[in-house]
Each structure stands twice: as structure tokens, then as C-alpha cells.
Amino acid sequence: MSDSDNRYLHLVRQERTPKKEGMMDEKYKYFLNTGSGRTSIDLSLHNDESAVMEIHTVWMASGNHQYHLLGKHKRISDVYGWLLIEQMKHSLPLSENPEQNEELNLDIIQAKVIYEYFKVSHSPNIEHPDDLGLMHQFWGLANWNETFDMLVIIHKSVQQNLLCLLDYGDVWSEEPADPEYIKQLVYPLLNVDKIKFTRVME
């Protein structure tokens, strides 16, 4: 982690951070399966404060994509913390084209990619009635993780920068990124918002 990352994270007072003794690796999963596609997200929080997020999407309109996100997690309390994403890779499964298996440049976002997470009591994951109706009407018999133990939302500042990047493009770079490249970077990050993860016990 860079010095600037450390300064940013240490805005949270160190004495409020729980001690690491007794902490264990934690794994969480989100999934949605429908007749026209599916999304799954696996999140691992490790005892050494590293974090890994694996996103796999297969949809008729957009194809088959995998995203590999690496970074750190910061426990601020027993039920609240941050995920700082430092690296993001995109790949098309079974692709033999090296250009389709690339590391995406997070610097063009002009903000540290931070998510907030909130741990909750084991709860049922109830879909909105309108969404549920659409799922059954247009997507066939849909299913998803029926319980959740953690809610993950994107930090407001990051969301604003991502939306500006979509609207106005990569205006700060000497060689601006292609709009399609920007979409490949921005949409997966925006979609990890208000996601309800269930704890995976091993």
C-alpha cells in the first residue's frame, strides 16, 4: 500500500480499530441466476488484512466476463469496515487473446476505490416485489442467495467519480482511455453496490 493510501486509511483513529488477535479469514458470496444469465461475487477477507473479490457475469446481452479485484480491508468496528481496491483485472474465460486479459487502470478514476461494508445478523434476503415479478416474467425461475450477513455499498465519492467518468470520459489523462475501456472498468465497480452477501462457512 502506498504512503497516500496509509494516510487516507489512518483518518480512522487507530485506537478504535479492533485488535487482530483471534480474527479469522471470512468468506462471503452473492449470486443471482436467471433464465437469461447470472452474476456471482465471491468476497474473501483475510487475517492479514488483504481482500479478494471475484466477479463473474454471464448475460445474453454482454457475454461472459470475469473480474479479479485485489486490495485491503480495514476493520473499523466489529460490524463496519472498508474495502480498498488496489488492483483490478478483467478476463474473458477461455480467451486466447492477450488483449482480452488485462489489468484495468484504476488511476483514471481519480479517487481511491473504497467500499463500505456492514455486518448484520443472519437475515432473509427478500427481493422487491416488482423485481421478483420481472424475474419470473422475463427471466424464468430465478434464484439468489436467500440469506445475507453483510451489506456492501460503494463509497459516495467513488460513485460520483465513476459516473463522471462515464459522462465526460477520461479528461485528466494525456492519452484518454477509450469509452469502451471505461465502461469495462466502471460498470463492474458500480454494480457492486447495495449487494447482500451471505457468509460461507467452511
N, C-alpha and C. Protein backbone atom coordinates (compact mmCIF):
# COMPACT_ATOMS: atom_id res chain seq x y z
N MET A 1 0.85 -1.19 0.00
CA MET A 1 0.00 0.00 0.00
C MET A 1 0.88 1.24 0.00
N SER A 2 0.51 2.24 -0.77
CA SER A 2 1.32 3.46 -0.86
C SER A 2 1.16 4.31 0.39
N ASP A 3 2.09 5.30 0.54
CA ASP A 3 2.01 6.20 1.69
C ASP A 3 0.71 6.97 1.70
N SER A 4 0.23 7.38 0.51
CA SER A 4 -1.03 8.14 0.46
C SER A 4 -2.20 7.28 0.91
N ASP A 5 -2.17 5.98 0.54
CA ASP A 5 -3.23 5.08 1.00
C ASP A 5 -3.23 4.97 2.51
N ASN A 6 -2.02 4.83 3.09
CA ASN A 6 -1.92 4.73 4.55
C ASN A 6 -2.43 5.98 5.25
N ARG A 7 -2.08 7.14 4.70
CA ARG A 7 -2.56 8.39 5.31
C ARG A 7 -4.08 8.46 5.25
N TYR A 8 -4.63 8.02 4.15
CA TYR A 8 -6.09 8.09 4.00
C TYR A 8 -6.79 7.16 4.97
N LEU A 9 -6.29 5.94 5.08
CA LEU A 9 -6.93 4.98 5.98
C LEU A 9 -6.76 5.36 7.44
N HIS A 10 -5.66 6.04 7.76
CA HIS A 10 -5.43 6.40 9.16
C HIS A 10 -6.17 7.65 9.59
N LEU A 11 -7.07 8.13 8.73
CA LEU A 11 -8.04 9.14 9.19
C LEU A 11 -8.92 8.54 10.27
N VAL A 12 -9.08 7.21 10.19
CA VAL A 12 -9.78 6.49 11.25
C VAL A 12 -8.82 6.32 12.41
N ARG A 13 -9.18 6.70 13.58
CA ARG A 13 -8.27 6.65 14.71
C ARG A 13 -7.89 5.22 15.03
N GLN A 14 -6.59 5.01 15.21
CA GLN A 14 -6.06 3.67 15.38
C GLN A 14 -6.63 2.96 16.60
N GLU A 15 -6.89 3.72 17.67
CA GLU A 15 -7.35 3.06 18.89
C GLU A 15 -8.76 2.51 18.76
N ARG A 16 -9.50 2.92 17.70
CA ARG A 16 -10.85 2.40 17.52
C ARG A 16 -10.85 1.12 16.71
N THR A 17 -9.70 0.73 16.18
CA THR A 17 -9.62 -0.46 15.36
C THR A 17 -9.45 -1.69 16.24
N PRO A 18 -10.31 -2.72 16.07
CA PRO A 18 -10.17 -3.91 16.90
C PRO A 18 -8.82 -4.58 16.70
N LYS A 19 -8.30 -5.18 17.75
CA LYS A 19 -7.04 -5.90 17.65
C LYS A 19 -7.23 -7.14 16.77
N LYS A 20 -6.13 -7.56 16.14
CA LYS A 20 -6.23 -8.65 15.19
C LYS A 20 -6.19 -10.03 15.85
N GLU A 21 -5.89 -10.09 17.15
CA GLU A 21 -5.85 -11.38 17.80
C GLU A 21 -7.22 -12.05 17.68
N GLY A 22 -7.21 -13.30 17.25
CA GLY A 22 -8.46 -14.04 17.18
C GLY A 22 -9.23 -13.84 15.89
N MET A 23 -8.82 -12.92 15.03
CA MET A 23 -9.50 -12.73 13.77
C MET A 23 -9.27 -13.94 12.88
N MET A 24 -10.27 -14.28 12.10
CA MET A 24 -10.17 -15.40 11.19
C MET A 24 -10.52 -14.94 9.78
N ASP A 25 -10.05 -15.69 8.79
CA ASP A 25 -10.45 -15.42 7.42
C ASP A 25 -11.97 -15.56 7.30
N GLU A 26 -12.57 -14.69 6.52
CA GLU A 26 -14.01 -14.73 6.32
C GLU A 26 -14.30 -14.75 4.82
N LYS A 27 -15.28 -15.57 4.43
CA LYS A 27 -15.67 -15.67 3.03
C LYS A 27 -17.17 -15.41 2.89
N TYR A 28 -17.51 -14.67 1.84
CA TYR A 28 -18.89 -14.30 1.58
C TYR A 28 -19.21 -14.53 0.11
N LYS A 29 -20.50 -14.73 -0.18
CA LYS A 29 -20.90 -14.98 -1.56
C LYS A 29 -22.24 -14.31 -1.86
N TYR A 30 -22.34 -13.80 -3.08
CA TYR A 30 -23.60 -13.28 -3.63
C TYR A 30 -23.81 -13.96 -4.97
N PHE A 31 -25.06 -14.32 -5.28
CA PHE A 31 -25.34 -14.83 -6.62
C PHE A 31 -26.78 -14.54 -7.02
N LEU A 32 -26.96 -14.39 -8.31
CA LEU A 32 -28.28 -14.24 -8.92
C LEU A 32 -28.27 -15.04 -10.21
N ASN A 33 -29.16 -16.02 -10.31
CA ASN A 33 -29.29 -16.84 -11.51
C ASN A 33 -30.66 -16.62 -12.13
N THR A 34 -30.70 -16.41 -13.43
CA THR A 34 -31.96 -16.22 -14.14
C THR A 34 -31.93 -17.02 -15.44
N GLY A 35 -33.04 -16.96 -16.17
CA GLY A 35 -33.10 -17.65 -17.45
C GLY A 35 -32.24 -17.03 -18.52
N SER A 36 -31.83 -15.77 -18.34
CA SER A 36 -31.05 -15.08 -19.37
C SER A 36 -29.61 -14.79 -18.94
N GLY A 37 -29.23 -15.24 -17.75
CA GLY A 37 -27.86 -15.00 -17.33
C GLY A 37 -27.69 -15.15 -15.83
N ARG A 38 -26.49 -14.85 -15.38
CA ARG A 38 -26.21 -14.98 -13.95
C ARG A 38 -25.04 -14.09 -13.56
N THR A 39 -25.02 -13.74 -12.28
CA THR A 39 -23.91 -13.00 -11.67
C THR A 39 -23.54 -13.66 -10.35
N SER A 40 -22.26 -13.82 -10.12
CA SER A 40 -21.80 -14.31 -8.82
C SER A 40 -20.62 -13.46 -8.37
N ILE A 41 -20.56 -13.20 -7.07
CA ILE A 41 -19.46 -12.43 -6.49
C ILE A 41 -18.98 -13.17 -5.25
N ASP A 42 -17.69 -13.48 -5.21
CA ASP A 42 -17.07 -14.11 -4.04
C ASP A 42 -16.13 -13.10 -3.39
N LEU A 43 -16.30 -12.91 -2.10
CA LEU A 43 -15.50 -11.94 -1.34
C LEU A 43 -14.78 -12.65 -0.21
N SER A 44 -13.46 -12.47 -0.15
CA SER A 44 -12.65 -13.06 0.91
C SER A 44 -11.93 -11.96 1.69
N LEU A 45 -12.10 -11.97 3.01
CA LEU A 45 -11.40 -11.05 3.90
C LEU A 45 -10.42 -11.86 4.73
N HIS A 46 -9.13 -11.59 4.57
CA HIS A 46 -8.12 -12.42 5.20
C HIS A 46 -7.56 -11.77 6.47
N ASN A 47 -6.99 -12.62 7.32
CA ASN A 47 -6.47 -12.17 8.60
C ASN A 47 -5.33 -11.18 8.46
N ASP A 48 -4.61 -11.22 7.34
CA ASP A 48 -3.51 -10.28 7.12
C ASP A 48 -3.98 -8.95 6.52
N GLU A 49 -5.31 -8.74 6.53
CA GLU A 49 -5.96 -7.52 6.05
C GLU A 49 -6.01 -7.43 4.52
N SER A 50 -5.61 -8.48 3.82
CA SER A 50 -5.80 -8.50 2.37
C SER A 50 -7.24 -8.89 2.06
N ALA A 51 -7.71 -8.48 0.88
CA ALA A 51 -9.07 -8.77 0.45
C ALA A 51 -9.05 -9.15 -1.02
N VAL A 52 -9.90 -10.10 -1.38
CA VAL A 52 -10.03 -10.55 -2.77
C VAL A 52 -11.51 -10.60 -3.12
N MET A 53 -11.85 -10.03 -4.28
CA MET A 53 -13.22 -10.10 -4.78
C MET A 53 -13.20 -10.66 -6.20
N GLU A 54 -13.98 -11.71 -6.42
CA GLU A 54 -14.08 -12.34 -7.74
C GLU A 54 -15.50 -12.12 -8.26
N ILE A 55 -15.61 -11.45 -9.41
CA ILE A 55 -16.90 -11.17 -10.02
C ILE A 55 -16.99 -11.96 -11.32
N HIS A 56 -18.07 -12.71 -11.49
CA HIS A 56 -18.28 -13.49 -12.71
C HIS A 56 -19.69 -13.20 -13.23
N THR A 57 -19.77 -12.67 -14.43
CA THR A 57 -21.06 -12.34 -15.03
C THR A 57 -21.20 -13.06 -16.37
N VAL A 58 -22.37 -13.65 -16.59
CA VAL A 58 -22.70 -14.29 -17.86
C VAL A 58 -24.11 -13.87 -18.23
N TRP A 59 -24.23 -12.94 -19.18
CA TRP A 59 -25.53 -12.42 -19.58
C TRP A 59 -25.64 -12.42 -21.10
N MET A 60 -26.84 -12.65 -21.60
CA MET A 60 -27.05 -12.74 -23.03
C MET A 60 -26.61 -11.47 -23.74
N ALA A 61 -26.85 -10.32 -23.13
CA ALA A 61 -26.57 -9.05 -23.80
C ALA A 61 -25.09 -8.68 -23.77
N SER A 62 -24.36 -9.15 -22.76
CA SER A 62 -22.98 -8.67 -22.59
C SER A 62 -21.92 -9.77 -22.64
N GLY A 63 -22.32 -11.03 -22.61
CA GLY A 63 -21.35 -12.11 -22.71
C GLY A 63 -20.81 -12.56 -21.36
N ASN A 64 -19.67 -13.25 -21.42
CA ASN A 64 -19.08 -13.92 -20.27
C ASN A 64 -17.83 -13.15 -19.82
N HIS A 65 -17.85 -12.61 -18.60
CA HIS A 65 -16.74 -11.79 -18.11
C HIS A 65 -16.37 -12.18 -16.69
N GLN A 66 -15.09 -12.08 -16.38
CA GLN A 66 -14.60 -12.29 -15.02
C GLN A 66 -13.74 -11.10 -14.61
N TYR A 67 -13.89 -10.70 -13.34
CA TYR A 67 -13.11 -9.59 -12.79
C TYR A 67 -12.47 -10.06 -11.49
N HIS A 68 -11.20 -9.77 -11.36
CA HIS A 68 -10.41 -10.17 -10.19
C HIS A 68 -9.93 -8.90 -9.51
N LEU A 69 -10.46 -8.61 -8.30
CA LEU A 69 -10.13 -7.40 -7.57
C LEU A 69 -9.31 -7.76 -6.33
N LEU A 70 -8.20 -7.06 -6.16
CA LEU A 70 -7.31 -7.27 -5.02
C LEU A 70 -7.16 -5.98 -4.23
N GLY A 71 -7.02 -6.12 -2.92
CA GLY A 71 -6.82 -4.92 -2.11
C GLY A 71 -6.70 -5.24 -0.64
N LYS A 72 -7.17 -4.31 0.19
CA LYS A 72 -7.09 -4.42 1.64
C LYS A 72 -8.47 -4.23 2.25
N HIS A 73 -8.65 -4.78 3.44
CA HIS A 73 -9.86 -4.46 4.20
C HIS A 73 -9.44 -3.87 5.54
N LYS A 74 -10.20 -2.91 5.99
CA LYS A 74 -9.92 -2.19 7.23
C LYS A 74 -11.11 -2.35 8.17
N ARG A 75 -10.92 -3.10 9.25
CA ARG A 75 -11.99 -3.25 10.24
C ARG A 75 -12.02 -2.01 11.12
N ILE A 76 -13.11 -1.29 11.10
CA ILE A 76 -13.25 -0.09 11.91
C ILE A 76 -14.00 -0.40 13.20
N SER A 77 -14.91 -1.35 13.14
CA SER A 77 -15.58 -1.85 14.34
C SER A 77 -15.91 -3.32 14.08
N ASP A 78 -16.59 -3.95 15.01
CA ASP A 78 -16.95 -5.35 14.82
C ASP A 78 -17.93 -5.54 13.67
N VAL A 79 -18.66 -4.49 13.30
CA VAL A 79 -19.70 -4.64 12.28
C VAL A 79 -19.52 -3.72 11.08
N TYR A 80 -18.48 -2.90 11.07
CA TYR A 80 -18.30 -1.93 9.99
C TYR A 80 -16.84 -1.86 9.56
N GLY A 81 -16.65 -1.72 8.25
CA GLY A 81 -15.29 -1.60 7.75
C GLY A 81 -15.24 -1.11 6.32
N TRP A 82 -14.02 -1.00 5.81
CA TRP A 82 -13.78 -0.53 4.44
C TRP A 82 -13.08 -1.62 3.64
N LEU A 83 -13.36 -1.62 2.33
CA LEU A 83 -12.60 -2.39 1.35
C LEU A 83 -11.91 -1.40 0.43
N LEU A 84 -10.59 -1.46 0.36
CA LEU A 84 -9.82 -0.60 -0.54
C LEU A 84 -9.31 -1.46 -1.69
N ILE A 85 -9.82 -1.21 -2.90
CA ILE A 85 -9.43 -1.97 -4.08
C ILE A 85 -8.20 -1.32 -4.70
N GLU A 86 -7.12 -2.10 -4.84
CA GLU A 86 -5.86 -1.59 -5.36
C GLU A 86 -5.52 -2.11 -6.76
N GLN A 87 -6.15 -3.20 -7.15
CA GLN A 87 -5.83 -3.80 -8.44
C GLN A 87 -7.08 -4.47 -8.99
N MET A 88 -7.28 -4.35 -10.31
CA MET A 88 -8.46 -4.94 -10.95
C MET A 88 -8.05 -5.53 -12.29
N LYS A 89 -8.37 -6.81 -12.48
CA LYS A 89 -8.07 -7.48 -13.74
C LYS A 89 -9.36 -7.99 -14.37
N HIS A 90 -9.40 -7.92 -15.69
CA HIS A 90 -10.57 -8.36 -16.45
C HIS A 90 -10.15 -9.46 -17.40
N SER A 91 -10.97 -10.48 -17.52
CA SER A 91 -10.67 -11.54 -18.48
C SER A 91 -11.96 -12.09 -19.06
N LEU A 92 -11.85 -12.60 -20.27
CA LEU A 92 -12.92 -13.34 -20.91
C LEU A 92 -12.54 -14.81 -20.81
N PRO A 93 -13.31 -15.63 -20.10
CA PRO A 93 -12.93 -17.03 -19.91
C PRO A 93 -12.66 -17.74 -21.24
N LEU A 94 -11.64 -18.58 -21.24
CA LEU A 94 -11.22 -19.37 -22.40
C LEU A 94 -10.69 -18.51 -23.53
N SER A 95 -10.44 -17.23 -23.26
CA SER A 95 -9.94 -16.35 -24.31
C SER A 95 -8.45 -16.58 -24.51
N GLU A 96 -8.04 -16.65 -25.77
CA GLU A 96 -6.63 -16.80 -26.10
C GLU A 96 -6.03 -15.48 -26.56
N ASN A 97 -6.81 -14.42 -26.54
CA ASN A 97 -6.34 -13.11 -26.96
C ASN A 97 -5.78 -12.37 -25.76
N PRO A 98 -4.47 -12.10 -25.69
CA PRO A 98 -3.89 -11.43 -24.52
C PRO A 98 -4.51 -10.07 -24.25
N GLU A 99 -4.99 -9.39 -25.29
CA GLU A 99 -5.58 -8.08 -25.10
C GLU A 99 -6.91 -8.16 -24.36
N GLN A 100 -7.49 -9.35 -24.29
CA GLN A 100 -8.76 -9.52 -23.59
C GLN A 100 -8.55 -10.04 -22.17
N ASN A 101 -7.32 -10.11 -21.73
CA ASN A 101 -6.99 -10.49 -20.36
C ASN A 101 -6.04 -9.44 -19.82
N GLU A 102 -6.59 -8.39 -19.24
CA GLU A 102 -5.78 -7.21 -18.95
C GLU A 102 -6.03 -6.67 -17.55
N GLU A 103 -5.03 -5.95 -17.05
CA GLU A 103 -5.21 -5.21 -15.81
C GLU A 103 -5.79 -3.85 -16.15
N LEU A 104 -6.85 -3.49 -15.45
CA LEU A 104 -7.52 -2.22 -15.71
C LEU A 104 -6.90 -1.12 -14.85
N ASN A 105 -6.80 0.06 -15.42
CA ASN A 105 -6.11 1.19 -14.78
C ASN A 105 -7.07 1.94 -13.85
N LEU A 106 -6.92 1.71 -12.55
CA LEU A 106 -7.79 2.37 -11.58
C LEU A 106 -7.45 3.85 -11.40
N ASP A 107 -6.28 4.28 -11.84
CA ASP A 107 -5.86 5.67 -11.63
C ASP A 107 -6.77 6.66 -12.35
N ILE A 108 -7.38 6.25 -13.47
CA ILE A 108 -8.21 7.19 -14.22
C ILE A 108 -9.50 7.54 -13.48
N ILE A 109 -9.80 6.81 -12.41
CA ILE A 109 -11.00 7.13 -11.62
C ILE A 109 -10.80 8.39 -10.80
N GLN A 110 -9.54 8.75 -10.53
CA GLN A 110 -9.21 9.95 -9.76
C GLN A 110 -9.78 9.89 -8.34
N ALA A 111 -9.87 8.69 -7.79
CA ALA A 111 -10.32 8.50 -6.41
C ALA A 111 -9.91 7.11 -5.97
N LYS A 112 -9.61 6.95 -4.70
CA LYS A 112 -9.34 5.62 -4.17
C LYS A 112 -10.64 4.82 -4.19
N VAL A 113 -10.57 3.61 -4.71
CA VAL A 113 -11.77 2.78 -4.85
C VAL A 113 -12.07 2.12 -3.51
N ILE A 114 -13.02 2.68 -2.79
CA ILE A 114 -13.36 2.22 -1.45
C ILE A 114 -14.83 1.82 -1.39
N TYR A 115 -15.07 0.66 -0.80
CA TYR A 115 -16.42 0.21 -0.47
C TYR A 115 -16.56 0.19 1.05
N GLU A 116 -17.77 0.42 1.51
CA GLU A 116 -18.09 0.27 2.92
C GLU A 116 -18.84 -1.05 3.11
N TYR A 117 -18.55 -1.76 4.19
CA TYR A 117 -19.32 -2.97 4.46
C TYR A 117 -19.90 -2.92 5.87
N PHE A 118 -21.07 -3.51 5.99
CA PHE A 118 -21.82 -3.54 7.24
C PHE A 118 -22.23 -4.99 7.51
N LYS A 119 -21.78 -5.54 8.63
CA LYS A 119 -22.19 -6.88 9.01
C LYS A 119 -23.52 -6.80 9.76
N VAL A 120 -24.40 -7.73 9.46
CA VAL A 120 -25.73 -7.74 10.08
C VAL A 120 -26.00 -9.14 10.64
N SER A 121 -27.02 -9.23 11.47
CA SER A 121 -27.46 -10.54 11.92
C SER A 121 -27.97 -11.34 10.73
N HIS A 122 -27.77 -12.64 10.76
CA HIS A 122 -28.19 -13.51 9.66
C HIS A 122 -29.66 -13.26 9.34
N SER A 123 -29.92 -12.77 8.12
CA SER A 123 -31.26 -12.29 7.78
C SER A 123 -31.70 -12.83 6.43
N PRO A 124 -33.03 -12.93 6.21
CA PRO A 124 -33.52 -13.34 4.89
C PRO A 124 -33.27 -12.24 3.86
N ASN A 125 -32.94 -12.63 2.66
CA ASN A 125 -32.70 -11.70 1.55
C ASN A 125 -33.95 -11.66 0.68
N ILE A 126 -34.79 -10.67 0.92
CA ILE A 126 -36.08 -10.56 0.25
C ILE A 126 -35.98 -9.58 -0.92
N GLU A 127 -36.37 -10.02 -2.10
CA GLU A 127 -36.34 -9.14 -3.27
C GLU A 127 -37.57 -8.23 -3.29
N HIS A 128 -37.44 -7.07 -3.92
CA HIS A 128 -38.56 -6.16 -4.10
C HIS A 128 -39.63 -6.87 -4.93
N PRO A 129 -40.92 -6.74 -4.57
CA PRO A 129 -41.98 -7.45 -5.31
C PRO A 129 -41.97 -7.17 -6.81
N ASP A 130 -41.70 -5.93 -7.21
CA ASP A 130 -41.66 -5.61 -8.64
C ASP A 130 -40.51 -6.33 -9.33
N ASP A 131 -39.35 -6.35 -8.68
CA ASP A 131 -38.20 -7.06 -9.26
C ASP A 131 -38.48 -8.55 -9.36
N LEU A 132 -39.11 -9.10 -8.33
CA LEU A 132 -39.41 -10.52 -8.32
C LEU A 132 -40.36 -10.88 -9.46
N GLY A 133 -41.35 -10.01 -9.69
CA GLY A 133 -42.29 -10.25 -10.79
C GLY A 133 -41.60 -10.25 -12.13
N LEU A 134 -40.68 -9.30 -12.33
CA LEU A 134 -39.95 -9.24 -13.59
C LEU A 134 -39.06 -10.46 -13.77
N MET A 135 -38.44 -10.89 -12.67
CA MET A 135 -37.58 -12.07 -12.75
C MET A 135 -38.34 -13.28 -13.28
N HIS A 136 -39.54 -13.49 -12.76
CA HIS A 136 -40.30 -14.66 -13.16
C HIS A 136 -40.94 -14.48 -14.54
N GLN A 137 -41.31 -13.23 -14.88
CA GLN A 137 -41.97 -12.99 -16.15
C GLN A 137 -41.01 -13.06 -17.33
N PHE A 138 -39.83 -12.46 -17.17
CA PHE A 138 -38.91 -12.34 -18.29
C PHE A 138 -37.69 -13.26 -18.18
N TRP A 139 -37.33 -13.67 -17.00
CA TRP A 139 -36.10 -14.42 -16.81
C TRP A 139 -36.33 -15.88 -16.42
N GLY A 140 -37.57 -16.30 -16.34
CA GLY A 140 -37.81 -17.65 -15.91
C GLY A 140 -37.67 -17.77 -14.40
N LEU A 141 -37.46 -18.97 -13.92
CA LEU A 141 -37.36 -19.20 -12.48
C LEU A 141 -36.00 -18.74 -11.98
N ALA A 142 -35.99 -17.59 -11.34
CA ALA A 142 -34.74 -17.02 -10.83
C ALA A 142 -34.47 -17.53 -9.42
N ASN A 143 -33.20 -17.53 -9.03
CA ASN A 143 -32.84 -17.84 -7.65
C ASN A 143 -31.62 -17.03 -7.27
N TRP A 144 -31.43 -16.83 -5.97
CA TRP A 144 -30.36 -15.99 -5.45
C TRP A 144 -30.05 -16.46 -4.03
N ASN A 145 -29.00 -15.91 -3.43
CA ASN A 145 -28.72 -16.27 -2.04
C ASN A 145 -29.87 -15.77 -1.16
N GLU A 146 -30.51 -16.68 -0.48
CA GLU A 146 -31.75 -16.37 0.23
C GLU A 146 -31.52 -15.74 1.59
N THR A 147 -30.28 -15.70 2.04
CA THR A 147 -29.95 -15.04 3.30
C THR A 147 -28.74 -14.14 3.09
N PHE A 148 -28.53 -13.22 4.02
CA PHE A 148 -27.33 -12.38 3.95
C PHE A 148 -26.83 -12.03 5.34
N ASP A 149 -25.51 -11.78 5.40
CA ASP A 149 -24.84 -11.44 6.65
C ASP A 149 -24.01 -10.17 6.53
N MET A 150 -23.89 -9.65 5.30
CA MET A 150 -23.10 -8.45 5.07
C MET A 150 -23.69 -7.65 3.92
N LEU A 151 -23.73 -6.33 4.09
CA LEU A 151 -24.16 -5.42 3.03
C LEU A 151 -22.96 -4.60 2.60
N VAL A 152 -22.69 -4.56 1.30
CA VAL A 152 -21.56 -3.80 0.75
C VAL A 152 -22.10 -2.68 -0.14
N ILE A 153 -21.64 -1.45 0.12
CA ILE A 153 -22.04 -0.31 -0.71
C ILE A 153 -20.79 0.43 -1.16
N ILE A 154 -20.87 1.06 -2.32
CA ILE A 154 -19.75 1.82 -2.82
C ILE A 154 -19.71 3.18 -2.13
N HIS A 155 -18.51 3.66 -1.83
CA HIS A 155 -18.38 4.96 -1.18
C HIS A 155 -18.92 6.05 -2.10
N LYS A 156 -19.63 7.01 -1.54
CA LYS A 156 -20.29 8.04 -2.34
C LYS A 156 -19.31 8.79 -3.24
N SER A 157 -18.13 9.12 -2.74
CA SER A 157 -17.16 9.86 -3.55
C SER A 157 -16.70 9.05 -4.75
N VAL A 158 -16.53 7.75 -4.56
CA VAL A 158 -16.12 6.88 -5.66
C VAL A 158 -17.23 6.79 -6.70
N GLN A 159 -18.45 6.64 -6.22
CA GLN A 159 -19.59 6.56 -7.13
C GLN A 159 -19.69 7.81 -8.00
N GLN A 160 -19.52 8.97 -7.40
CA GLN A 160 -19.59 10.22 -8.16
C GLN A 160 -18.51 10.28 -9.23
N ASN A 161 -17.30 9.88 -8.89
CA ASN A 161 -16.21 9.90 -9.87
C ASN A 161 -16.44 8.91 -11.01
N LEU A 162 -16.97 7.74 -10.68
CA LEU A 162 -17.26 6.75 -11.71
C LEU A 162 -18.33 7.25 -12.67
N LEU A 163 -19.36 7.88 -12.15
CA LEU A 163 -20.42 8.41 -13.00
C LEU A 163 -19.91 9.55 -13.88
N CYS A 164 -19.05 10.39 -13.32
CA CYS A 164 -18.45 11.47 -14.12
C CYS A 164 -17.57 10.90 -15.23
N LEU A 165 -16.87 9.82 -14.93
CA LEU A 165 -16.03 9.18 -15.93
C LEU A 165 -16.87 8.65 -17.09
N LEU A 166 -18.03 8.10 -16.77
CA LEU A 166 -18.94 7.63 -17.82
C LEU A 166 -19.47 8.79 -18.64
N ASP A 167 -19.84 9.88 -17.98
CA ASP A 167 -20.49 11.01 -18.66
C ASP A 167 -19.51 11.83 -19.49
N TYR A 168 -18.31 12.08 -18.95
CA TYR A 168 -17.40 13.04 -19.58
C TYR A 168 -16.13 12.41 -20.13
N GLY A 169 -15.88 11.14 -19.80
CA GLY A 169 -14.69 10.48 -20.30
C GLY A 169 -13.47 10.74 -19.44
N ASP A 170 -12.34 10.24 -19.91
CA ASP A 170 -11.07 10.32 -19.19
C ASP A 170 -10.39 11.66 -19.51
N VAL A 171 -10.89 12.73 -18.91
CA VAL A 171 -10.46 14.09 -19.28
C VAL A 171 -9.12 14.47 -18.65
N TRP A 172 -8.64 13.72 -17.65
CA TRP A 172 -7.44 14.11 -16.93
C TRP A 172 -6.17 13.46 -17.48
N SER A 173 -6.29 12.51 -18.36
CA SER A 173 -5.12 11.81 -18.88
C SER A 173 -4.61 12.44 -20.16
N GLU A 174 -3.29 12.40 -20.35
CA GLU A 174 -2.70 12.91 -21.59
C GLU A 174 -3.15 12.08 -22.78
N GLU A 175 -3.33 10.78 -22.56
CA GLU A 175 -3.86 9.90 -23.60
C GLU A 175 -5.14 9.27 -23.04
N PRO A 176 -6.29 9.93 -23.26
CA PRO A 176 -7.56 9.48 -22.67
C PRO A 176 -7.91 8.04 -23.07
N ALA A 177 -8.48 7.33 -22.12
CA ALA A 177 -8.88 5.95 -22.36
C ALA A 177 -10.08 5.90 -23.30
N ASP A 178 -10.18 4.83 -24.05
CA ASP A 178 -11.30 4.61 -24.96
C ASP A 178 -12.60 4.46 -24.17
N PRO A 179 -13.73 4.98 -24.67
CA PRO A 179 -15.01 4.87 -23.95
C PRO A 179 -15.39 3.43 -23.62
N GLU A 180 -15.11 2.48 -24.51
CA GLU A 180 -15.44 1.08 -24.22
C GLU A 180 -14.58 0.54 -23.08
N TYR A 181 -13.33 0.97 -23.03
CA TYR A 181 -12.44 0.58 -21.93
C TYR A 181 -12.99 1.13 -20.62
N ILE A 182 -13.46 2.38 -20.64
CA ILE A 182 -14.02 3.00 -19.44
C ILE A 182 -15.23 2.22 -18.95
N LYS A 183 -16.10 1.80 -19.86
CA LYS A 183 -17.28 1.03 -19.47
C LYS A 183 -16.87 -0.29 -18.82
N GLN A 184 -15.84 -0.93 -19.37
CA GLN A 184 -15.38 -2.20 -18.83
C GLN A 184 -14.83 -2.03 -17.42
N LEU A 185 -14.30 -0.85 -17.13
CA LEU A 185 -13.78 -0.55 -15.80
C LEU A 185 -14.88 -0.13 -14.84
N VAL A 186 -15.76 0.74 -15.30
CA VAL A 186 -16.71 1.41 -14.41
C VAL A 186 -17.90 0.54 -14.03
N TYR A 187 -18.52 -0.12 -14.99
CA TYR A 187 -19.76 -0.83 -14.70
C TYR A 187 -19.62 -1.92 -13.64
N PRO A 188 -18.57 -2.75 -13.68
CA PRO A 188 -18.45 -3.76 -12.62
C PRO A 188 -18.30 -3.14 -11.23
N LEU A 189 -17.56 -2.03 -11.14
CA LEU A 189 -17.39 -1.37 -9.84
C LEU A 189 -18.69 -0.76 -9.34
N LEU A 190 -19.45 -0.14 -10.24
CA LEU A 190 -20.73 0.45 -9.86
C LEU A 190 -21.73 -0.61 -9.44
N ASN A 191 -21.67 -1.77 -10.07
CA ASN A 191 -22.65 -2.82 -9.79
C ASN A 191 -22.43 -3.49 -8.44
N VAL A 192 -21.24 -3.33 -7.86
CA VAL A 192 -21.03 -3.84 -6.50
C VAL A 192 -21.48 -2.75 -5.53
N ASP A 193 -22.77 -2.60 -5.43
CA ASP A 193 -23.36 -1.55 -4.58
C ASP A 193 -24.68 -2.06 -4.04
N LYS A 194 -24.85 -1.95 -2.74
CA LYS A 194 -26.03 -2.48 -2.05
C LYS A 194 -26.17 -3.97 -2.31
N ILE A 195 -25.03 -4.65 -2.33
CA ILE A 195 -25.01 -6.10 -2.55
C ILE A 195 -25.07 -6.81 -1.20
N LYS A 196 -25.95 -7.79 -1.11
CA LYS A 196 -26.14 -8.55 0.12
C LYS A 196 -25.42 -9.89 0.00
N PHE A 197 -24.39 -10.05 0.82
CA PHE A 197 -23.57 -11.26 0.80
C PHE A 197 -23.97 -12.20 1.93
N THR A 198 -23.95 -13.48 1.64
CA THR A 198 -24.15 -14.48 2.68
C THR A 198 -22.80 -15.04 3.12
N ARG A 199 -22.64 -15.31 4.39
CA ARG A 199 -21.39 -15.86 4.93
C ARG A 199 -21.24 -17.31 4.49
N VAL A 200 -20.06 -17.66 4.04
CA VAL A 200 -19.75 -19.03 3.65
C VAL A 200 -18.93 -19.66 4.77
N MET A 201 -19.48 -20.68 5.40
CA MET A 201 -18.80 -21.35 6.50
C MET A 201 -18.11 -22.60 5.96
N GLU A 202 -16.85 -22.77 6.32
CA GLU A 202 -16.08 -23.92 5.84
C GLU A 202 -15.84 -24.91 6.97
